[in-house]
Amino acid sequence: MTGDSELPAAMGDVARRGLALNGFTRLDQLDGASEKELLVIHGVGPKAIRILREQLALQSRALSP
């Protein structure tokens, strides 16, 4: 990840692209987003959710269960 305004590269291209197509291009946009909501996005699975949780926690932010 480069800077706080991009999604983590560790998630993979498909997950990042799927999130972007759904309006999520930065970590701060995911603060409070529902894991359930994100899991229906193509390419976003348990690994991407784990990575997002970890990155958000570093910024004192979180996903909703």
PDB file of N, CA and C in Angstrom:
ATOM      1  N   MET A   1       0.845  -1.173   0.000  1.00  0.00           N
ATOM      2  CA  MET A   1       0.000   0.000   0.000  1.00  0.00           C
ATOM      3  C   MET A   1       0.885   1.229   0.000  1.00  0.00           C
ATOM      4  N   THR A   2       0.540   2.176  -0.833  1.00  0.00           N
ATOM      5  CA  THR A   2       1.295   3.427  -0.862  1.00  0.00           C
ATOM      6  C   THR A   2       0.426   4.540  -0.317  1.00  0.00           C
ATOM      7  N   GLY A   3       0.733   5.016   0.871  1.00  0.00           N
ATOM      8  CA  GLY A   3      -0.061   6.077   1.468  1.00  0.00           C
ATOM      9  C   GLY A   3      -1.373   5.550   2.019  1.00  0.00           C
ATOM     10  N   ASP A   4      -2.083   6.397   2.736  1.00  0.00           N
ATOM     11  CA  ASP A   4      -3.335   5.993   3.352  1.00  0.00           C
ATOM     12  C   ASP A   4      -4.518   6.069   2.394  1.00  0.00           C
ATOM     13  N   SER A   5      -4.303   6.554   1.200  1.00  0.00           N
ATOM     14  CA  SER A   5      -5.424   6.779   0.305  1.00  0.00           C
ATOM     15  C   SER A   5      -5.635   5.649  -0.698  1.00  0.00           C
ATOM     16  N   GLU A   6      -4.906   4.575  -0.593  1.00  0.00           N
ATOM     17  CA  GLU A   6      -5.083   3.461  -1.516  1.00  0.00           C
ATOM     18  C   GLU A   6      -5.373   2.187  -0.751  1.00  0.00           C
ATOM     19  N   LEU A   7      -6.023   1.253  -1.408  1.00  0.00           N
ATOM     20  CA  LEU A   7      -6.305  -0.036  -0.789  1.00  0.00           C
ATOM     21  C   LEU A   7      -5.047  -0.898  -0.804  1.00  0.00           C
ATOM     22  N   PRO A   8      -4.897  -1.790   0.169  1.00  0.00           N
ATOM     23  CA  PRO A   8      -3.699  -2.626   0.264  1.00  0.00           C
ATOM     24  C   PRO A   8      -3.517  -3.540  -0.949  1.00  0.00           C
ATOM     25  N   ALA A   9      -2.319  -3.563  -1.506  1.00  0.00           N
ATOM     26  CA  ALA A   9      -2.010  -4.415  -2.652  1.00  0.00           C
ATOM     27  C   ALA A   9      -2.076  -5.892  -2.280  1.00  0.00           C
ATOM     28  N   ALA A  10      -1.878  -6.220  -1.022  1.00  0.00           N
ATOM     29  CA  ALA A  10      -1.892  -7.614  -0.569  1.00  0.00           C
ATOM     30  C   ALA A  10      -3.242  -8.281  -0.796  1.00  0.00           C
ATOM     31  N   MET A  11      -4.285  -7.481  -0.973  1.00  0.00           N
ATOM     32  CA  MET A  11      -5.623  -8.043  -1.214  1.00  0.00           C
ATOM     33  C   MET A  11      -5.739  -8.671  -2.584  1.00  0.00           C
ATOM     34  N   GLY A  12      -4.980  -8.217  -3.514  1.00  0.00           N
ATOM     35  CA  GLY A  12      -5.080  -8.719  -4.873  1.00  0.00           C
ATOM     36  C   GLY A  12      -5.875  -7.772  -5.767  1.00  0.00           C
ATOM     37  N   ASP A  13      -5.600  -7.876  -7.046  1.00  0.00           N
ATOM     38  CA  ASP A  13      -6.199  -6.968  -8.027  1.00  0.00           C
ATOM     39  C   ASP A  13      -7.711  -7.108  -8.133  1.00  0.00           C
ATOM     40  N   VAL A  14      -8.203  -8.348  -8.115  1.00  0.00           N
ATOM     41  CA  VAL A  14      -9.645  -8.561  -8.308  1.00  0.00           C
ATOM     42  C   VAL A  14     -10.435  -7.932  -7.160  1.00  0.00           C
ATOM     43  N   ALA A  15      -9.971  -8.122  -5.937  1.00  0.00           N
ATOM     44  CA  ALA A  15     -10.657  -7.545  -4.776  1.00  0.00           C
ATOM     45  C   ALA A  15     -10.611  -6.021  -4.829  1.00  0.00           C
ATOM     46  N   ARG A  16      -9.443  -5.472  -5.117  1.00  0.00           N
ATOM     47  CA  ARG A  16      -9.327  -4.003  -5.185  1.00  0.00           C
ATOM     48  C   ARG A  16     -10.204  -3.435  -6.292  1.00  0.00           C
ATOM     49  N   ARG A  17     -10.228  -4.105  -7.439  1.00  0.00           N
ATOM     50  CA  ARG A  17     -11.049  -3.647  -8.561  1.00  0.00           C
ATOM     51  C   ARG A  17     -12.540  -3.728  -8.204  1.00  0.00           C
ATOM     52  N   GLY A  18     -12.941  -4.822  -7.572  1.00  0.00           N
ATOM     53  CA  GLY A  18     -14.336  -4.975  -7.161  1.00  0.00           C
ATOM     54  C   GLY A  18     -14.755  -3.907  -6.175  1.00  0.00           C
ATOM     55  N   LEU A  19     -13.891  -3.625  -5.213  1.00  0.00           N
ATOM     56  CA  LEU A  19     -14.197  -2.570  -4.245  1.00  0.00           C
ATOM     57  C   LEU A  19     -14.303  -1.216  -4.939  1.00  0.00           C
ATOM     58  N   ALA A  20     -13.380  -0.938  -5.854  1.00  0.00           N
ATOM     59  CA  ALA A  20     -13.395   0.341  -6.569  1.00  0.00           C
ATOM     60  C   ALA A  20     -14.680   0.496  -7.389  1.00  0.00           C
ATOM     61  N   LEU A  21     -15.116  -0.582  -8.022  1.00  0.00           N
ATOM     62  CA  LEU A  21     -16.348  -0.526  -8.817  1.00  0.00           C
ATOM     63  C   LEU A  21     -17.570  -0.244  -7.943  1.00  0.00           C
ATOM     64  N   ASN A  22     -17.437  -0.522  -6.655  1.00  0.00           N
ATOM     65  CA  ASN A  22     -18.523  -0.273  -5.713  1.00  0.00           C
ATOM     66  C   ASN A  22     -18.296   0.990  -4.889  1.00  0.00           C
ATOM     67  N   GLY A  23     -17.361   1.823  -5.338  1.00  0.00           N
ATOM     68  CA  GLY A  23     -17.157   3.127  -4.713  1.00  0.00           C
ATOM     69  C   GLY A  23     -16.165   3.177  -3.570  1.00  0.00           C
ATOM     70  N   PHE A  24     -15.465   2.070  -3.311  1.00  0.00           N
ATOM     71  CA  PHE A  24     -14.484   2.040  -2.231  1.00  0.00           C
ATOM     72  C   PHE A  24     -13.078   2.076  -2.828  1.00  0.00           C
ATOM     73  N   THR A  25     -12.463   3.233  -2.815  1.00  0.00           N
ATOM     74  CA  THR A  25     -11.122   3.371  -3.376  1.00  0.00           C
ATOM     75  C   THR A  25     -10.074   3.715  -2.329  1.00  0.00           C
ATOM     76  N   ARG A  26     -10.536   4.042  -1.112  1.00  0.00           N
ATOM     77  CA  ARG A  26      -9.620   4.405  -0.026  1.00  0.00           C
ATOM     78  C   ARG A  26     -10.052   3.696   1.261  1.00  0.00           C
ATOM     79  N   LEU A  27      -9.096   3.424   2.130  1.00  0.00           N
ATOM     80  CA  LEU A  27      -9.407   2.773   3.395  1.00  0.00           C
ATOM     81  C   LEU A  27     -10.410   3.564   4.224  1.00  0.00           C
ATOM     82  N   ASP A  28     -10.293   4.879   4.234  1.00  0.00           N
ATOM     83  CA  ASP A  28     -11.196   5.669   5.067  1.00  0.00           C
ATOM     84  C   ASP A  28     -12.655   5.519   4.635  1.00  0.00           C
ATOM     85  N   GLN A  29     -12.898   5.164   3.387  1.00  0.00           N
ATOM     86  CA  GLN A  29     -14.261   4.950   2.912  1.00  0.00           C
ATOM     87  C   GLN A  29     -14.850   3.656   3.465  1.00  0.00           C
ATOM     88  N   LEU A  30     -13.988   2.754   3.927  1.00  0.00           N
ATOM     89  CA  LEU A  30     -14.438   1.468   4.442  1.00  0.00           C
ATOM     90  C   LEU A  30     -14.710   1.491   5.934  1.00  0.00           C
ATOM     91  N   ASP A  31     -14.345   2.564   6.616  1.00  0.00           N
ATOM     92  CA  ASP A  31     -14.568   2.676   8.058  1.00  0.00           C
ATOM     93  C   ASP A  31     -16.054   2.556   8.351  1.00  0.00           C
ATOM     94  N   GLY A  32     -16.429   1.523   9.082  1.00  0.00           N
ATOM     95  CA  GLY A  32     -17.827   1.310   9.418  1.00  0.00           C
ATOM     96  C   GLY A  32     -18.615   0.521   8.390  1.00  0.00           C
ATOM     97  N   ALA A  33     -18.012   0.213   7.240  1.00  0.00           N
ATOM     98  CA  ALA A  33     -18.708  -0.588   6.232  1.00  0.00           C
ATOM     99  C   ALA A  33     -18.949  -1.990   6.791  1.00  0.00           C
ATOM    100  N   SER A  34     -19.992  -2.617   6.344  1.00  0.00           N
ATOM    101  CA  SER A  34     -20.360  -3.947   6.815  1.00  0.00           C
ATOM    102  C   SER A  34     -19.558  -5.026   6.083  1.00  0.00           C
ATOM    103  N   GLU A  35     -19.021  -5.986   6.858  1.00  0.00           N
ATOM    104  CA  GLU A  35     -18.314  -7.111   6.249  1.00  0.00           C
ATOM    105  C   GLU A  35     -19.256  -7.856   5.309  1.00  0.00           C
ATOM    106  N   LYS A  36     -20.506  -8.006   5.717  1.00  0.00           N
ATOM    107  CA  LYS A  36     -21.513  -8.684   4.906  1.00  0.00           C
ATOM    108  C   LYS A  36     -21.677  -7.987   3.554  1.00  0.00           C
ATOM    109  N   GLU A  37     -21.739  -6.656   3.590  1.00  0.00           N
ATOM    110  CA  GLU A  37     -21.873  -5.840   2.380  1.00  0.00           C
ATOM    111  C   GLU A  37     -20.666  -6.050   1.458  1.00  0.00           C
ATOM    112  N   LEU A  38     -19.473  -6.109   2.039  1.00  0.00           N
ATOM    113  CA  LEU A  38     -18.258  -6.240   1.247  1.00  0.00           C
ATOM    114  C   LEU A  38     -18.087  -7.646   0.677  1.00  0.00           C
ATOM    115  N   LEU A  39     -18.528  -8.659   1.419  1.00  0.00           N
ATOM    116  CA  LEU A  39     -18.349 -10.042   0.970  1.00  0.00           C
ATOM    117  C   LEU A  39     -19.169 -10.387  -0.274  1.00  0.00           C
ATOM    118  N   VAL A  40     -20.186  -9.604  -0.588  1.00  0.00           N
ATOM    119  CA  VAL A  40     -20.965  -9.885  -1.800  1.00  0.00           C
ATOM    120  C   VAL A  40     -20.297  -9.306  -3.050  1.00  0.00           C
ATOM    121  N   ILE A  41     -19.257  -8.520  -2.865  1.00  0.00           N
ATOM    122  CA  ILE A  41     -18.530  -7.928  -3.989  1.00  0.00           C
ATOM    123  C   ILE A  41     -17.594  -8.972  -4.590  1.00  0.00           C
ATOM    124  N   HIS A  42     -17.645  -9.102  -5.895  1.00  0.00           N
ATOM    125  CA  HIS A  42     -16.803 -10.064  -6.600  1.00  0.00           C
ATOM    126  C   HIS A  42     -15.331  -9.854  -6.251  1.00  0.00           C
ATOM    127  N   GLY A  43     -14.670 -10.925  -5.840  1.00  0.00           N
ATOM    128  CA  GLY A  43     -13.252 -10.863  -5.526  1.00  0.00           C
ATOM    129  C   GLY A  43     -12.946 -10.604  -4.067  1.00  0.00           C
ATOM    130  N   VAL A  44     -13.949 -10.180  -3.310  1.00  0.00           N
ATOM    131  CA  VAL A  44     -13.732  -9.897  -1.889  1.00  0.00           C
ATOM    132  C   VAL A  44     -14.151 -11.126  -1.089  1.00  0.00           C
ATOM    133  N   GLY A  45     -13.162 -11.751  -0.471  1.00  0.00           N
ATOM    134  CA  GLY A  45     -13.414 -12.936   0.335  1.00  0.00           C
ATOM    135  C   GLY A  45     -12.814 -12.773   1.719  1.00  0.00           C
ATOM    136  N   PRO A  46     -12.735 -13.856   2.453  1.00  0.00           N
ATOM    137  CA  PRO A  46     -12.206 -13.806   3.816  1.00  0.00           C
ATOM    138  C   PRO A  46     -10.802 -13.213   3.922  1.00  0.00           C
ATOM    139  N   LYS A  47      -9.948 -13.515   2.950  1.00  0.00           N
ATOM    140  CA  LYS A  47      -8.576 -12.971   2.995  1.00  0.00           C
ATOM    141  C   LYS A  47      -8.602 -11.446   2.863  1.00  0.00           C
ATOM    142  N   ALA A  48      -9.375 -10.920   1.926  1.00  0.00           N
ATOM    143  CA  ALA A  48      -9.460  -9.472   1.734  1.00  0.00           C
ATOM    144  C   ALA A  48     -10.046  -8.798   2.971  1.00  0.00           C
ATOM    145  N   ILE A  49     -11.061  -9.420   3.566  1.00  0.00           N
ATOM    146  CA  ILE A  49     -11.668  -8.865   4.780  1.00  0.00           C
ATOM    147  C   ILE A  49     -10.637  -8.824   5.906  1.00  0.00           C
ATOM    148  N   ARG A  50      -9.854  -9.893   6.061  1.00  0.00           N
ATOM    149  CA  ARG A  50      -8.821  -9.929   7.098  1.00  0.00           C
ATOM    150  C   ARG A  50      -7.809  -8.815   6.891  1.00  0.00           C
ATOM    151  N   ILE A  51      -7.365  -8.634   5.661  1.00  0.00           N
ATOM    152  CA  ILE A  51      -6.382  -7.596   5.352  1.00  0.00           C
ATOM    153  C   ILE A  51      -6.967  -6.210   5.617  1.00  0.00           C
ATOM    154  N   LEU A  52      -8.202  -6.007   5.214  1.00  0.00           N
ATOM    155  CA  LEU A  52      -8.853  -4.711   5.455  1.00  0.00           C
ATOM    156  C   LEU A  52      -8.996  -4.448   6.951  1.00  0.00           C
ATOM    157  N   ARG A  53      -9.419  -5.473   7.708  1.00  0.00           N
ATOM    158  CA  ARG A  53      -9.537  -5.313   9.166  1.00  0.00           C
ATOM    159  C   ARG A  53      -8.212  -4.895   9.779  1.00  0.00           C
ATOM    160  N   GLU A  54      -7.132  -5.579   9.370  1.00  0.00           N
ATOM    161  CA  GLU A  54      -5.801  -5.270   9.910  1.00  0.00           C
ATOM    162  C   GLU A  54      -5.367  -3.847   9.572  1.00  0.00           C
ATOM    163  N   GLN A  55      -5.559  -3.447   8.320  1.00  0.00           N
ATOM    164  CA  GLN A  55      -5.145  -2.110   7.892  1.00  0.00           C
ATOM    165  C   GLN A  55      -5.983  -1.022   8.568  1.00  0.00           C
ATOM    166  N   LEU A  56      -7.278  -1.258   8.696  1.00  0.00           N
ATOM    167  CA  LEU A  56      -8.141  -0.285   9.363  1.00  0.00           C
ATOM    168  C   LEU A  56      -7.786  -0.165  10.843  1.00  0.00           C
ATOM    169  N   ALA A  57      -7.457  -1.281  11.481  1.00  0.00           N
ATOM    170  CA  ALA A  57      -7.098  -1.273  12.894  1.00  0.00           C
ATOM    171  C   ALA A  57      -5.850  -0.411  13.124  1.00  0.00           C
ATOM    172  N   LEU A  58      -4.921  -0.435  12.184  1.00  0.00           N
ATOM    173  CA  LEU A  58      -3.720   0.392  12.302  1.00  0.00           C
ATOM    174  C   LEU A  58      -4.061   1.882  12.332  1.00  0.00           C
ATOM    175  N   GLN A  59      -5.211   2.235  11.784  1.00  0.00           N
ATOM    176  CA  GLN A  59      -5.670   3.622  11.744  1.00  0.00           C
ATOM    177  C   GLN A  59      -6.776   3.890  12.781  1.00  0.00           C
ATOM    178  N   SER A  60      -6.953   2.952  13.718  1.00  0.00           N
ATOM    179  CA  SER A  60      -8.011   3.038  14.728  1.00  0.00           C
ATOM    180  C   SER A  60      -9.393   3.143  14.081  1.00  0.00           C
ATOM    181  N   ARG A  61      -9.589   2.381  13.025  1.00  0.00           N
ATOM    182  CA  ARG A  61     -10.870   2.304  12.332  1.00  0.00           C
ATOM    183  C   ARG A  61     -11.285   0.843  12.298  1.00  0.00           C
ATOM    184  N   ALA A  62     -12.505   0.562  11.882  1.00  0.00           N
ATOM    185  CA  ALA A  62     -12.963  -0.827  11.860  1.00  0.00           C
ATOM    186  C   ALA A  62     -14.106  -1.034  10.863  1.00  0.00           C
ATOM    187  N   LEU A  63     -14.255  -2.300  10.463  1.00  0.00           N
ATOM    188  CA  LEU A  63     -15.417  -2.717   9.690  1.00  0.00           C
ATOM    189  C   LEU A  63     -16.510  -3.103  10.669  1.00  0.00           C
ATOM    190  N   SER A  64     -17.753  -2.994  10.243  1.00  0.00           N
ATOM    191  CA  SER A  64     -18.861  -3.512  11.034  1.00  0.00           C
ATOM    192  C   SER A  64     -18.973  -4.996  10.752  1.00  0.00           C
ATOM    193  N   PRO A  65     -19.375  -5.772  11.754  1.00  0.00           N
ATOM    194  CA  PRO A  65     -19.533  -7.231  11.512  1.00  0.00           C
ATOM    195  C   PRO A  65     -20.616  -7.528  10.498  1.00  0.00           C
TER     196      PRO A  65
END
